[in-house]
Protein backbone atom coordinates (compact mmCIF):
# COMPACT_ATOMS: atom_id res chain seq x y z
CA UNK A 1 0.18 -0.30 -0.18
CA UNK A 2 2.88 2.63 0.53
CA UNK A 3 4.25 2.15 -2.13
CA UNK A 4 1.46 2.55 -4.94
CA UNK A 5 0.19 5.91 -1.69
CA UNK A 6 3.67 7.38 -2.92
CA UNK A 7 3.82 6.39 -6.96
CA UNK A 8 0.52 8.19 -6.25
CA UNK A 9 2.10 11.52 -4.75
CA UNK A 10 6.08 11.75 -5.15
CA UNK A 11 5.79 14.87 -4.69
CA UNK A 12 4.31 15.42 -1.60
CA UNK A 13 6.89 15.12 1.63
CA UNK A 14 4.21 13.74 3.86
CA UNK A 15 3.02 10.56 2.48
CA UNK A 16 6.39 8.66 3.02
CA UNK A 17 6.82 9.93 6.47
CA UNK A 18 2.71 8.77 6.95
CA UNK A 19 4.33 5.85 5.82
CA UNK A 20 6.79 5.86 8.04
CA UNK A 21 5.18 6.32 11.08
CA UNK A 22 2.37 3.35 9.81
CA UNK A 23 5.91 0.92 10.42
CA UNK A 24 6.20 2.53 13.17
CA UNK A 25 3.42 2.15 14.70
CA UNK A 26 3.26 -2.10 14.04
CA UNK A 27 6.46 -2.08 15.33
CA UNK A 28 8.15 -2.58 11.73
CA UNK A 29 11.34 -0.06 12.72
CA UNK A 30 13.81 -1.26 9.69
CA UNK A 31 10.32 0.06 7.54
CA UNK A 32 10.03 3.49 9.27
CA UNK A 33 14.02 3.96 8.59
CA UNK A 34 13.40 2.79 4.83
CA UNK A 35 11.28 5.52 4.04
CA UNK A 36 12.95 8.00 5.85
CA UNK A 37 16.32 7.11 4.91
CA UNK A 38 14.57 7.25 1.34
CA UNK A 39 13.26 10.81 1.99
CA UNK A 40 16.08 12.47 4.27
CA UNK A 41 18.34 11.58 0.63
CA UNK A 42 15.98 13.54 -1.14
CA UNK A 43 16.31 17.01 -2.27
CA UNK A 44 13.12 18.20 -0.01
CA UNK A 45 13.89 16.99 3.00
CA UNK A 46 13.46 19.03 5.96
CA UNK A 47 15.68 19.68 9.34
CA UNK A 48 13.08 17.57 11.26
CA UNK A 49 12.84 14.23 9.05
CA UNK A 50 16.52 13.37 10.28
CA UNK A 51 15.40 14.04 14.08
CA UNK A 52 12.79 11.46 12.83
CA UNK A 53 15.18 9.16 10.99
CA UNK A 54 17.32 9.12 14.60
CA UNK A 55 14.37 8.40 16.63
CA UNK A 56 13.81 5.22 14.33
CA UNK A 57 17.38 4.55 14.73
CA UNK A 58 17.45 4.35 18.35
CA UNK A 59 13.96 2.50 18.94
CA UNK A 60 15.82 -0.44 16.57
CA UNK A 61 19.08 0.04 18.96
CA UNK A 62 21.31 1.58 16.67
CA UNK A 63 22.22 3.96 18.36
CA UNK A 64 25.35 5.63 15.86
CA UNK A 65 22.98 5.58 13.24
CA UNK A 66 20.96 7.44 15.25
CA UNK A 67 23.42 10.23 16.82
CA UNK A 68 24.27 10.66 13.06
CA UNK A 69 21.02 11.27 12.41
CA UNK A 70 20.47 13.60 15.15
CA UNK A 71 23.18 15.26 14.58
CA UNK A 72 22.85 16.38 11.36
CA UNK A 73 19.63 17.78 12.28
CA UNK A 74 21.33 19.93 15.56
CA UNK A 75 23.87 20.85 12.44
CA UNK A 76 21.48 22.12 9.82
CA UNK A 77 20.59 25.19 8.14
CA UNK A 78 17.20 24.78 7.74
CA UNK A 79 16.39 28.06 8.38
CA UNK A 80 12.14 27.26 8.06
CA UNK A 81 12.43 25.10 11.98
CA UNK A 82 14.02 28.15 13.70
CA UNK A 83 15.03 25.30 16.33
CA UNK A 84 14.45 26.07 19.97
CA UNK A 85 16.65 25.48 22.66
CA UNK A 86 14.43 23.66 24.25
CA UNK A 87 14.54 21.44 21.16
CA UNK A 88 18.39 21.63 20.95
CA UNK A 89 18.85 20.66 24.18
CA UNK A 90 16.33 17.78 23.95
CA UNK A 91 17.91 16.12 20.51
CA UNK A 92 21.59 16.77 22.47
CA UNK A 93 19.56 15.37 25.46
CA UNK A 94 18.96 11.81 23.00
CA UNK A 95 22.41 11.56 21.65
CA UNK A 96 23.99 11.63 25.22
CA UNK A 97 21.78 8.88 25.98
CA UNK A 98 21.90 6.74 23.03
CA UNK A 99 26.26 6.99 23.09
CA UNK A 100 26.34 5.34 26.14
CA UNK A 101 23.88 2.86 25.38
CA UNK A 102 26.17 2.66 22.84
CA UNK A 103 29.46 2.69 24.75
CA UNK A 104 28.07 0.00 26.99
CA UNK A 105 27.12 -1.74 23.95
CA UNK A 106 30.53 -2.28 23.36
CA UNK A 107 32.08 -2.62 26.69
CA UNK A 108 29.70 -5.50 27.06
CA UNK A 109 31.39 -6.84 23.78
CA UNK A 110 34.83 -6.06 23.97
CA UNK A 111 34.45 -8.14 28.01
CA UNK A 112 32.48 -11.14 26.34
CA UNK A 113 35.90 -11.20 23.73
CA UNK A 114 38.17 -11.22 26.95
């Protein structure tokens, strides 16, 4: 269904977001990420698309990719969004939290190798 929706209205950036949110709602984060990655690679993306992509990666457990996406959102020059300080602080806390989780996973892995 998602592919058909997209084919009918390729210019509407809300379609891939709606499809991604539908997949997220049923716990299919990989497919949600697929749709958001396609959108963020297009010229029509906005900063918050990267923020949402980071959230999806985090829920999937891929904290490294989450950090990358959130960092892009934080450093974007998208003037239309005009991030407020509290949004920036929220994203920075997400990055810090994900970095801690990633570090813990890496420490756990290296502990098992010993």
